[in-house]
Amino acid sequence: MEVLTDSLRKATDAMAITDSSSAATSHLLKGGTVLVHDPDDHVQALRKDILIQDGVISQIEGSIAAPQGIPVIDCTDKIISPGFIDTRTSISFCIPFMS
């Protein structure tokens, strides 16, 4: 759990959401599959809820009750991973000089 929390907090800190409204930067991600690397660099898929408050991950648990006023995003059948990239996207279609 510590590896999961540290990984996601680092990712959130790196992309700190800056918005004057705390409601806009606070969300509860419910029921997503969180991909994390264990200390031996094996990927683990864990079903977790993630509470983001003021742009920072504040809690990662199996089930979190939604605080009043915080939008809930249903992440059932979705993967949550810091820095996850769609590996099926071809960059050459996005850059004119490469196509």
PDB file of N, CA and C in Angstrom:
ATOM      1  N   MET A   1       0.823  -1.195   0.000  1.00  0.00           N
ATOM      2  CA  MET A   1       0.000   0.000   0.000  1.00  0.00           C
ATOM      3  C   MET A   1       0.864   1.256   0.000  1.00  0.00           C
ATOM      4  N   GLU A   2       1.977   1.236   0.702  1.00  0.00           N
ATOM      5  CA  GLU A   2       2.842   2.403   0.763  1.00  0.00           C
ATOM      6  C   GLU A   2       3.398   2.748  -0.614  1.00  0.00           C
ATOM      7  N   VAL A   3       3.775   1.717  -1.390  1.00  0.00           N
ATOM      8  CA  VAL A   3       4.288   1.946  -2.740  1.00  0.00           C
ATOM      9  C   VAL A   3       3.211   2.591  -3.598  1.00  0.00           C
ATOM     10  N   LEU A   4       1.979   2.107  -3.492  1.00  0.00           N
ATOM     11  CA  LEU A   4       0.855   2.658  -4.235  1.00  0.00           C
ATOM     12  C   LEU A   4       0.657   4.125  -3.892  1.00  0.00           C
ATOM     13  N   THR A   5       0.581   4.424  -2.629  1.00  0.00           N
ATOM     14  CA  THR A   5       0.357   5.794  -2.187  1.00  0.00           C
ATOM     15  C   THR A   5       1.476   6.708  -2.634  1.00  0.00           C
ATOM     16  N   ASP A   6       2.724   6.309  -2.455  1.00  0.00           N
ATOM     17  CA  ASP A   6       3.866   7.136  -2.852  1.00  0.00           C
ATOM     18  C   ASP A   6       3.879   7.387  -4.352  1.00  0.00           C
ATOM     19  N   SER A   7       3.631   6.349  -5.148  1.00  0.00           N
ATOM     20  CA  SER A   7       3.639   6.489  -6.610  1.00  0.00           C
ATOM     21  C   SER A   7       2.583   7.471  -7.078  1.00  0.00           C
ATOM     22  N   LEU A   8       1.368   7.313  -6.575  1.00  0.00           N
ATOM     23  CA  LEU A   8       0.291   8.184  -7.010  1.00  0.00           C
ATOM     24  C   LEU A   8       0.446   9.599  -6.482  1.00  0.00           C
ATOM     25  N   ARG A   9       0.952   9.748  -5.279  1.00  0.00           N
ATOM     26  CA  ARG A   9       1.170  11.104  -4.749  1.00  0.00           C
ATOM     27  C   ARG A   9       2.230  11.832  -5.565  1.00  0.00           C
ATOM     28  N   LYS A  10       3.319  11.138  -5.912  1.00  0.00           N
ATOM     29  CA  LYS A  10       4.360  11.764  -6.725  1.00  0.00           C
ATOM     30  C   LYS A  10       3.802  12.203  -8.068  1.00  0.00           C
ATOM     31  N   ALA A  11       2.974  11.357  -8.666  1.00  0.00           N
ATOM     32  CA  ALA A  11       2.383  11.694  -9.959  1.00  0.00           C
ATOM     33  C   ALA A  11       1.457  12.903  -9.832  1.00  0.00           C
ATOM     34  N   THR A  12       0.670  12.947  -8.774  1.00  0.00           N
ATOM     35  CA  THR A  12      -0.239  14.068  -8.571  1.00  0.00           C
ATOM     36  C   THR A  12       0.536  15.346  -8.295  1.00  0.00           C
ATOM     37  N   ASP A  13       1.591  15.262  -7.490  1.00  0.00           N
ATOM     38  CA  ASP A  13       2.404  16.439  -7.211  1.00  0.00           C
ATOM     39  C   ASP A  13       3.027  16.974  -8.497  1.00  0.00           C
ATOM     40  N   ALA A  14       3.466  16.069  -9.366  1.00  0.00           N
ATOM     41  CA  ALA A  14       4.126  16.473 -10.603  1.00  0.00           C
ATOM     42  C   ALA A  14       3.172  17.192 -11.545  1.00  0.00           C
ATOM     43  N   MET A  15       1.899  16.827 -11.509  1.00  0.00           N
ATOM     44  CA  MET A  15       0.930  17.463 -12.398  1.00  0.00           C
ATOM     45  C   MET A  15      -0.059  18.312 -11.619  1.00  0.00           C
ATOM     46  N   ALA A  16       0.403  18.914 -10.540  1.00  0.00           N
ATOM     47  CA  ALA A  16      -0.462  19.662  -9.625  1.00  0.00           C
ATOM     48  C   ALA A  16      -1.493  20.483 -10.385  1.00  0.00           C
ATOM     49  N   ILE A  17      -2.735  20.213 -10.051  1.00  0.00           N
ATOM     50  CA  ILE A  17      -3.843  20.903 -10.691  1.00  0.00           C
ATOM     51  C   ILE A  17      -3.984  22.257 -10.017  1.00  0.00           C
ATOM     52  N   THR A  18      -3.940  23.320 -10.797  1.00  0.00           N
ATOM     53  CA  THR A  18      -4.061  24.651 -10.210  1.00  0.00           C
ATOM     54  C   THR A  18      -5.355  25.287 -10.684  1.00  0.00           C
ATOM     55  N   ASP A  19      -6.264  25.444  -9.763  1.00  0.00           N
ATOM     56  CA  ASP A  19      -7.564  26.027 -10.043  1.00  0.00           C
ATOM     57  C   ASP A  19      -7.992  26.727  -8.772  1.00  0.00           C
ATOM     58  N   SER A  20      -8.625  27.875  -8.902  1.00  0.00           N
ATOM     59  CA  SER A  20      -9.006  28.626  -7.709  1.00  0.00           C
ATOM     60  C   SER A  20     -10.139  27.968  -6.944  1.00  0.00           C
ATOM     61  N   SER A  21     -10.893  27.086  -7.577  1.00  0.00           N
ATOM     62  CA  SER A  21     -12.007  26.426  -6.910  1.00  0.00           C
ATOM     63  C   SER A  21     -11.593  25.052  -6.419  1.00  0.00           C
ATOM     64  N   SER A  22     -11.659  24.823  -5.099  1.00  0.00           N
ATOM     65  CA  SER A  22     -11.252  23.524  -4.569  1.00  0.00           C
ATOM     66  C   SER A  22     -12.175  22.413  -5.041  1.00  0.00           C
ATOM     67  N   ALA A  23     -13.453  22.729  -5.320  1.00  0.00           N
ATOM     68  CA  ALA A  23     -14.368  21.705  -5.814  1.00  0.00           C
ATOM     69  C   ALA A  23     -13.927  21.210  -7.189  1.00  0.00           C
ATOM     70  N   ALA A  24     -13.359  22.111  -7.999  1.00  0.00           N
ATOM     71  CA  ALA A  24     -12.921  21.729  -9.341  1.00  0.00           C
ATOM     72  C   ALA A  24     -11.689  20.840  -9.288  1.00  0.00           C
ATOM     73  N   THR A  25     -10.934  20.895  -8.218  1.00  0.00           N
ATOM     74  CA  THR A  25      -9.720  20.089  -8.123  1.00  0.00           C
ATOM     75  C   THR A  25      -9.868  18.950  -7.128  1.00  0.00           C
ATOM     76  N   SER A  26     -11.094  18.692  -6.718  1.00  0.00           N
ATOM     77  CA  SER A  26     -11.356  17.609  -5.784  1.00  0.00           C
ATOM     78  C   SER A  26     -12.315  16.623  -6.436  1.00  0.00           C
ATOM     79  N   HIS A  27     -11.936  15.349  -6.406  1.00  0.00           N
ATOM     80  CA  HIS A  27     -12.746  14.297  -7.013  1.00  0.00           C
ATOM     81  C   HIS A  27     -12.570  13.009  -6.224  1.00  0.00           C
ATOM     82  N   LEU A  28     -13.563  12.144  -6.312  1.00  0.00           N
ATOM     83  CA  LEU A  28     -13.446  10.790  -5.790  1.00  0.00           C
ATOM     84  C   LEU A  28     -13.534   9.851  -6.973  1.00  0.00           C
ATOM     85  N   LEU A  29     -12.464   9.110  -7.221  1.00  0.00           N
ATOM     86  CA  LEU A  29     -12.428   8.113  -8.280  1.00  0.00           C
ATOM     87  C   LEU A  29     -12.844   6.793  -7.649  1.00  0.00           C
ATOM     88  N   LYS A  30     -14.020   6.254  -8.033  1.00  0.00           N
ATOM     89  CA  LYS A  30     -14.595   5.070  -7.383  1.00  0.00           C
ATOM     90  C   LYS A  30     -14.392   3.815  -8.218  1.00  0.00           C
ATOM     91  N   GLY A  31     -13.893   2.765  -7.573  1.00  0.00           N
ATOM     92  CA  GLY A  31     -13.892   1.428  -8.138  1.00  0.00           C
ATOM     93  C   GLY A  31     -12.970   1.184  -9.308  1.00  0.00           C
ATOM     94  N   GLY A  32     -11.933   1.971  -9.456  1.00  0.00           N
ATOM     95  CA  GLY A  32     -11.014   1.781 -10.566  1.00  0.00           C
ATOM     96  C   GLY A  32      -9.978   0.707 -10.294  1.00  0.00           C
ATOM     97  N   THR A  33      -9.373   0.233 -11.354  1.00  0.00           N
ATOM     98  CA  THR A  33      -8.264  -0.709 -11.233  1.00  0.00           C
ATOM     99  C   THR A  33      -6.981   0.108 -11.264  1.00  0.00           C
ATOM    100  N   VAL A  34      -6.267   0.106 -10.153  1.00  0.00           N
ATOM    101  CA  VAL A  34      -5.045   0.894 -10.005  1.00  0.00           C
ATOM    102  C   VAL A  34      -3.847  -0.010 -10.294  1.00  0.00           C
ATOM    103  N   LEU A  35      -3.010   0.402 -11.237  1.00  0.00           N
ATOM    104  CA  LEU A  35      -1.806  -0.357 -11.566  1.00  0.00           C
ATOM    105  C   LEU A  35      -0.628   0.226 -10.805  1.00  0.00           C
ATOM    106  N   VAL A  36       0.049  -0.619 -10.050  1.00  0.00           N
ATOM    107  CA  VAL A  36       1.219  -0.176  -9.288  1.00  0.00           C
ATOM    108  C   VAL A  36       2.335  -1.204  -9.441  1.00  0.00           C
ATOM    109  N   HIS A  37       3.543  -0.733  -9.250  1.00  0.00           N
ATOM    110  CA  HIS A  37       4.698  -1.625  -9.255  1.00  0.00           C
ATOM    111  C   HIS A  37       5.086  -1.918  -7.819  1.00  0.00           C
ATOM    112  N   ASP A  38       5.308  -3.202  -7.514  1.00  0.00           N
ATOM    113  CA  ASP A  38       5.766  -3.550  -6.182  1.00  0.00           C
ATOM    114  C   ASP A  38       7.282  -3.345  -6.132  1.00  0.00           C
ATOM    115  N   PRO A  39       7.908  -3.518  -4.973  1.00  0.00           N
ATOM    116  CA  PRO A  39       9.354  -3.292  -4.862  1.00  0.00           C
ATOM    117  C   PRO A  39      10.200  -4.151  -5.814  1.00  0.00           C
ATOM    118  N   ASP A  40       9.642  -5.296  -6.278  1.00  0.00           N
ATOM    119  CA  ASP A  40      10.372  -6.150  -7.225  1.00  0.00           C
ATOM    120  C   ASP A  40      10.025  -5.807  -8.671  1.00  0.00           C
ATOM    121  N   ASP A  41       9.336  -4.676  -8.888  1.00  0.00           N
ATOM    122  CA  ASP A  41       8.961  -4.169 -10.204  1.00  0.00           C
ATOM    123  C   ASP A  41       7.937  -5.045 -10.928  1.00  0.00           C
ATOM    124  N   HIS A  42       7.126  -5.765 -10.164  1.00  0.00           N
ATOM    125  CA  HIS A  42       6.010  -6.513 -10.736  1.00  0.00           C
ATOM    126  C   HIS A  42       4.765  -5.633 -10.655  1.00  0.00           C
ATOM    127  N   VAL A  43       3.973  -5.638 -11.712  1.00  0.00           N
ATOM    128  CA  VAL A  43       2.758  -4.825 -11.739  1.00  0.00           C
ATOM    129  C   VAL A  43       1.641  -5.551 -10.997  1.00  0.00           C
ATOM    130  N   GLN A  44       0.975  -4.798 -10.128  1.00  0.00           N
ATOM    131  CA  GLN A  44      -0.180  -5.320  -9.404  1.00  0.00           C
ATOM    132  C   GLN A  44      -1.401  -4.510  -9.816  1.00  0.00           C
ATOM    133  N   ALA A  45      -2.504  -5.188 -10.070  1.00  0.00           N
ATOM    134  CA  ALA A  45      -3.767  -4.520 -10.381  1.00  0.00           C
ATOM    135  C   ALA A  45      -4.649  -4.601  -9.138  1.00  0.00           C
ATOM    136  N   LEU A  46      -4.942  -3.452  -8.540  1.00  0.00           N
ATOM    137  CA  LEU A  46      -5.709  -3.395  -7.292  1.00  0.00           C
ATOM    138  C   LEU A  46      -6.972  -2.572  -7.492  1.00  0.00           C
ATOM    139  N   ARG A  47      -8.115  -3.064  -7.020  1.00  0.00           N
ATOM    140  CA  ARG A  47      -9.365  -2.301  -7.094  1.00  0.00           C
ATOM    141  C   ARG A  47      -9.386  -1.334  -5.904  1.00  0.00           C
ATOM    142  N   LYS A  48      -9.369  -0.033  -6.200  1.00  0.00           N
ATOM    143  CA  LYS A  48      -9.285   0.980  -5.146  1.00  0.00           C
ATOM    144  C   LYS A  48     -10.129   2.199  -5.490  1.00  0.00           C
ATOM    145  N   ASP A  49     -10.456   2.966  -4.460  1.00  0.00           N
ATOM    146  CA  ASP A  49     -11.015   4.302  -4.604  1.00  0.00           C
ATOM    147  C   ASP A  49      -9.891   5.280  -4.304  1.00  0.00           C
ATOM    148  N   ILE A  50      -9.887   6.404  -5.000  1.00  0.00           N
ATOM    149  CA  ILE A  50      -8.850   7.425  -4.783  1.00  0.00           C
ATOM    150  C   ILE A  50      -9.541   8.757  -4.559  1.00  0.00           C
ATOM    151  N   LEU A  51      -9.254   9.377  -3.419  1.00  0.00           N
ATOM    152  CA  LEU A  51      -9.810  10.693  -3.104  1.00  0.00           C
ATOM    153  C   LEU A  51      -8.743  11.747  -3.386  1.00  0.00           C
ATOM    154  N   ILE A  52      -9.096  12.685  -4.263  1.00  0.00           N
ATOM    155  CA  ILE A  52      -8.203  13.803  -4.596  1.00  0.00           C
ATOM    156  C   ILE A  52      -8.850  15.055  -4.022  1.00  0.00           C
ATOM    157  N   GLN A  53      -8.111  15.754  -3.162  1.00  0.00           N
ATOM    158  CA  GLN A  53      -8.614  16.978  -2.556  1.00  0.00           C
ATOM    159  C   GLN A  53      -7.641  18.109  -2.841  1.00  0.00           C
ATOM    160  N   ASP A  54      -8.161  19.184  -3.390  1.00  0.00           N
ATOM    161  CA  ASP A  54      -7.345  20.347  -3.752  1.00  0.00           C
ATOM    162  C   ASP A  54      -6.170  19.949  -4.637  1.00  0.00           C
ATOM    163  N   GLY A  55      -6.410  19.008  -5.568  1.00  0.00           N
ATOM    164  CA  GLY A  55      -5.391  18.611  -6.524  1.00  0.00           C
ATOM    165  C   GLY A  55      -4.352  17.644  -6.004  1.00  0.00           C
ATOM    166  N   VAL A  56      -4.541  17.125  -4.786  1.00  0.00           N
ATOM    167  CA  VAL A  56      -3.566  16.220  -4.175  1.00  0.00           C
ATOM    168  C   VAL A  56      -4.276  14.944  -3.713  1.00  0.00           C
ATOM    169  N   ILE A  57      -3.679  13.799  -3.992  1.00  0.00           N
ATOM    170  CA  ILE A  57      -4.258  12.543  -3.510  1.00  0.00           C
ATOM    171  C   ILE A  57      -4.182  12.529  -1.991  1.00  0.00           C
ATOM    172  N   SER A  58      -5.356  12.410  -1.356  1.00  0.00           N
ATOM    173  CA  SER A  58      -5.375  12.440   0.099  1.00  0.00           C
ATOM    174  C   SER A  58      -5.685  11.074   0.706  1.00  0.00           C
ATOM    175  N   GLN A  59      -6.271  10.168  -0.091  1.00  0.00           N
ATOM    176  CA  GLN A  59      -6.630   8.866   0.471  1.00  0.00           C
ATOM    177  C   GLN A  59      -6.753   7.840  -0.649  1.00  0.00           C
ATOM    178  N   ILE A  60      -6.265   6.635  -0.390  1.00  0.00           N
ATOM    179  CA  ILE A  60      -6.410   5.507  -1.304  1.00  0.00           C
ATOM    180  C   ILE A  60      -6.849   4.321  -0.453  1.00  0.00           C
ATOM    181  N   GLU A  61      -8.060   3.829  -0.706  1.00  0.00           N
ATOM    182  CA  GLU A  61      -8.622   2.737   0.081  1.00  0.00           C
ATOM    183  C   GLU A  61      -9.489   1.860  -0.811  1.00  0.00           C
ATOM    184  N   GLY A  62      -9.898   0.732  -0.277  1.00  0.00           N
ATOM    185  CA  GLY A  62     -10.797  -0.159  -0.993  1.00  0.00           C
ATOM    186  C   GLY A  62     -12.176   0.443  -1.198  1.00  0.00           C
ATOM    187  N   SER A  63     -12.633   1.244  -0.236  1.00  0.00           N
ATOM    188  CA  SER A  63     -13.930   1.900  -0.345  1.00  0.00           C
ATOM    189  C   SER A  63     -13.896   3.203   0.451  1.00  0.00           C
ATOM    190  N   ILE A  64     -14.199   4.302  -0.214  1.00  0.00           N
ATOM    191  CA  ILE A  64     -14.205   5.616   0.427  1.00  0.00           C
ATOM    192  C   ILE A  64     -15.590   6.226   0.241  1.00  0.00           C
ATOM    193  N   ALA A  65     -16.191   6.703   1.333  1.00  0.00           N
ATOM    194  CA  ALA A  65     -17.466   7.408   1.244  1.00  0.00           C
ATOM    195  C   ALA A  65     -17.205   8.803   0.677  1.00  0.00           C
ATOM    196  N   ALA A  66     -18.043   9.221  -0.246  1.00  0.00           N
ATOM    197  CA  ALA A  66     -17.851  10.521  -0.898  1.00  0.00           C
ATOM    198  C   ALA A  66     -18.125  11.661   0.074  1.00  0.00           C
ATOM    199  N   PRO A  67     -17.124  12.521   0.281  1.00  0.00           N
ATOM    200  CA  PRO A  67     -17.367  13.707   1.109  1.00  0.00           C
ATOM    201  C   PRO A  67     -18.387  14.615   0.417  1.00  0.00           C
ATOM    202  N   GLN A  68     -19.154  15.350   1.199  1.00  0.00           N
ATOM    203  CA  GLN A  68     -20.168  16.239   0.653  1.00  0.00           C
ATOM    204  C   GLN A  68     -19.545  17.259  -0.295  1.00  0.00           C
ATOM    205  N   GLY A  69     -20.159  17.408  -1.459  1.00  0.00           N
ATOM    206  CA  GLY A  69     -19.711  18.413  -2.420  1.00  0.00           C
ATOM    207  C   GLY A  69     -18.575  17.979  -3.336  1.00  0.00           C
ATOM    208  N   ILE A  70     -18.052  16.776  -3.148  1.00  0.00           N
ATOM    209  CA  ILE A  70     -16.948  16.293  -3.994  1.00  0.00           C
ATOM    210  C   ILE A  70     -17.541  15.442  -5.119  1.00  0.00           C
ATOM    211  N   PRO A  71     -17.255  15.784  -6.381  1.00  0.00           N
ATOM    212  CA  PRO A  71     -17.775  14.983  -7.492  1.00  0.00           C
ATOM    213  C   PRO A  71     -17.206  13.564  -7.474  1.00  0.00           C
ATOM    214  N   VAL A  72     -18.071  12.594  -7.802  1.00  0.00           N
ATOM    215  CA  VAL A  72     -17.662  11.194  -7.848  1.00  0.00           C
ATOM    216  C   VAL A  72     -17.569  10.769  -9.319  1.00  0.00           C
ATOM    217  N   ILE A  73     -16.454  10.157  -9.679  1.00  0.00           N
ATOM    218  CA  ILE A  73     -16.251   9.646 -11.028  1.00  0.00           C
ATOM    219  C   ILE A  73     -16.235   8.127 -10.941  1.00  0.00           C
ATOM    220  N   ASP A  74     -17.174   7.488 -11.644  1.00  0.00           N
ATOM    221  CA  ASP A  74     -17.247   6.031 -11.652  1.00  0.00           C
ATOM    222  C   ASP A  74     -16.135   5.492 -12.543  1.00  0.00           C
ATOM    223  N   CYS A  75     -15.194   4.789 -11.954  1.00  0.00           N
ATOM    224  CA  CYS A  75     -14.055   4.245 -12.688  1.00  0.00           C
ATOM    225  C   CYS A  75     -14.141   2.730 -12.849  1.00  0.00           C
ATOM    226  N   THR A  76     -15.346   2.179 -12.668  1.00  0.00           N
ATOM    227  CA  THR A  76     -15.552   0.749 -12.862  1.00  0.00           C
ATOM    228  C   THR A  76     -15.093   0.376 -14.272  1.00  0.00           C
ATOM    229  N   ASP A  77     -14.327  -0.703 -14.375  1.00  0.00           N
ATOM    230  CA  ASP A  77     -13.784  -1.175 -15.651  1.00  0.00           C
ATOM    231  C   ASP A  77     -12.825  -0.182 -16.297  1.00  0.00           C
ATOM    232  N   LYS A  78     -12.246   0.710 -15.510  1.00  0.00           N
ATOM    233  CA  LYS A  78     -11.255   1.664 -15.996  1.00  0.00           C
ATOM    234  C   LYS A  78      -9.932   1.429 -15.271  1.00  0.00           C
ATOM    235  N   ILE A  79      -8.836   1.760 -15.929  1.00  0.00           N
ATOM    236  CA  ILE A  79      -7.513   1.639 -15.329  1.00  0.00           C
ATOM    237  C   ILE A  79      -7.069   3.016 -14.858  1.00  0.00           C
ATOM    238  N   ILE A  80      -6.580   3.074 -13.622  1.00  0.00           N
ATOM    239  CA  ILE A  80      -6.042   4.316 -13.063  1.00  0.00           C
ATOM    240  C   ILE A  80      -4.552   4.082 -12.830  1.00  0.00           C
ATOM    241  N   SER A  81      -3.743   4.883 -13.483  1.00  0.00           N
ATOM    242  CA  SER A  81      -2.298   4.716 -13.346  1.00  0.00           C
ATOM    243  C   SER A  81      -1.613   6.051 -13.607  1.00  0.00           C
ATOM    244  N   PRO A  82      -0.691   6.454 -12.744  1.00  0.00           N
ATOM    245  CA  PRO A  82       0.007   7.717 -12.990  1.00  0.00           C
ATOM    246  C   PRO A  82       0.855   7.613 -14.250  1.00  0.00           C
ATOM    247  N   GLY A  83       0.695   8.578 -15.147  1.00  0.00           N
ATOM    248  CA  GLY A  83       1.511   8.624 -16.347  1.00  0.00           C
ATOM    249  C   GLY A  83       1.191   7.555 -17.363  1.00  0.00           C
ATOM    250  N   PHE A  84       0.016   6.947 -17.279  1.00  0.00           N
ATOM    251  CA  PHE A  84      -0.344   5.874 -18.209  1.00  0.00           C
ATOM    252  C   PHE A  84      -0.503   6.451 -19.607  1.00  0.00           C
ATOM    253  N   ILE A  85       0.057   5.768 -20.585  1.00  0.00           N
ATOM    254  CA  ILE A  85       0.047   6.243 -21.964  1.00  0.00           C
ATOM    255  C   ILE A  85      -0.719   5.252 -22.829  1.00  0.00           C
ATOM    256  N   ASP A  86      -1.518   5.762 -23.746  1.00  0.00           N
ATOM    257  CA  ASP A  86      -2.221   4.913 -24.699  1.00  0.00           C
ATOM    258  C   ASP A  86      -1.196   4.421 -25.715  1.00  0.00           C
ATOM    259  N   THR A  87      -0.765   3.184 -25.567  1.00  0.00           N
ATOM    260  CA  THR A  87       0.306   2.654 -26.414  1.00  0.00           C
ATOM    261  C   THR A  87      -0.156   2.351 -27.830  1.00  0.00           C
ATOM    262  N   ARG A  88      -1.445   2.443 -28.100  1.00  0.00           N
ATOM    263  CA  ARG A  88      -1.936   2.184 -29.451  1.00  0.00           C
ATOM    264  C   ARG A  88      -2.007   3.454 -30.286  1.00  0.00           C
ATOM    265  N   THR A  89      -1.669   4.589 -29.726  1.00  0.00           N
ATOM    266  CA  THR A  89      -1.686   5.841 -30.464  1.00  0.00           C
ATOM    267  C   THR A  89      -0.384   5.990 -31.236  1.00  0.00           C
ATOM    268  N   SER A  90      -0.488   6.348 -32.474  1.00  0.00           N
ATOM    269  CA  SER A  90       0.704   6.544 -33.298  1.00  0.00           C
ATOM    270  C   SER A  90       1.018   8.024 -33.379  1.00  0.00           C
ATOM    271  N   ILE A  91       2.155   8.425 -32.869  1.00  0.00           N
ATOM    272  CA  ILE A  91       2.534   9.837 -32.855  1.00  0.00           C
ATOM    273  C   ILE A  91       2.727  10.385 -34.266  1.00  0.00           C
ATOM    274  N   SER A  92       3.041   9.522 -35.223  1.00  0.00           N
ATOM    275  CA  SER A  92       3.277  10.019 -36.582  1.00  0.00           C
ATOM    276  C   SER A  92       2.011  10.609 -37.197  1.00  0.00           C
ATOM    277  N   PHE A  93       0.840  10.207 -36.692  1.00  0.00           N
ATOM    278  CA  PHE A  93      -0.403  10.783 -37.207  1.00  0.00           C
ATOM    279  C   PHE A  93      -0.648  12.175 -36.620  1.00  0.00           C
ATOM    280  N   CYS A  94       0.070  12.522 -35.576  1.00  0.00           N
ATOM    281  CA  CYS A  94      -0.142  13.804 -34.901  1.00  0.00           C
ATOM    282  C   CYS A  94       0.863  14.854 -35.316  1.00  0.00           C
ATOM    283  N   ILE A  95       1.976  14.459 -35.887  1.00  0.00           N
ATOM    284  CA  ILE A  95       3.049  15.386 -36.233  1.00  0.00           C
ATOM    285  C   ILE A  95       3.192  15.431 -37.753  1.00  0.00           C
ATOM    286  N   PRO A  96       2.866  16.568 -38.377  1.00  0.00           N
ATOM    287  CA  PRO A  96       2.831  16.651 -39.838  1.00  0.00           C
ATOM    288  C   PRO A  96       4.140  16.225 -40.537  1.00  0.00           C
ATOM    289  N   PHE A  97       5.298  16.610 -39.995  1.00  0.00           N
ATOM    290  CA  PHE A  97       6.539  16.297 -40.698  1.00  0.00           C
ATOM    291  C   PHE A  97       6.933  14.825 -40.615  1.00  0.00           C
ATOM    292  N   MET A  98       6.253  14.032 -39.792  1.00  0.00           N
ATOM    293  CA  MET A  98       6.591  12.614 -39.669  1.00  0.00           C
ATOM    294  C   MET A  98       5.706  11.725 -40.534  1.00  0.00           C
ATOM    295  N   SER A  99       4.633  12.264 -41.080  1.00  0.00           N
ATOM    296  CA  SER A  99       3.713  11.396 -41.843  1.00  0.00           C
ATOM    297  C   SER A  99       4.056  11.347 -43.316  1.00  0.00           C
TER     298      SER A  99
END
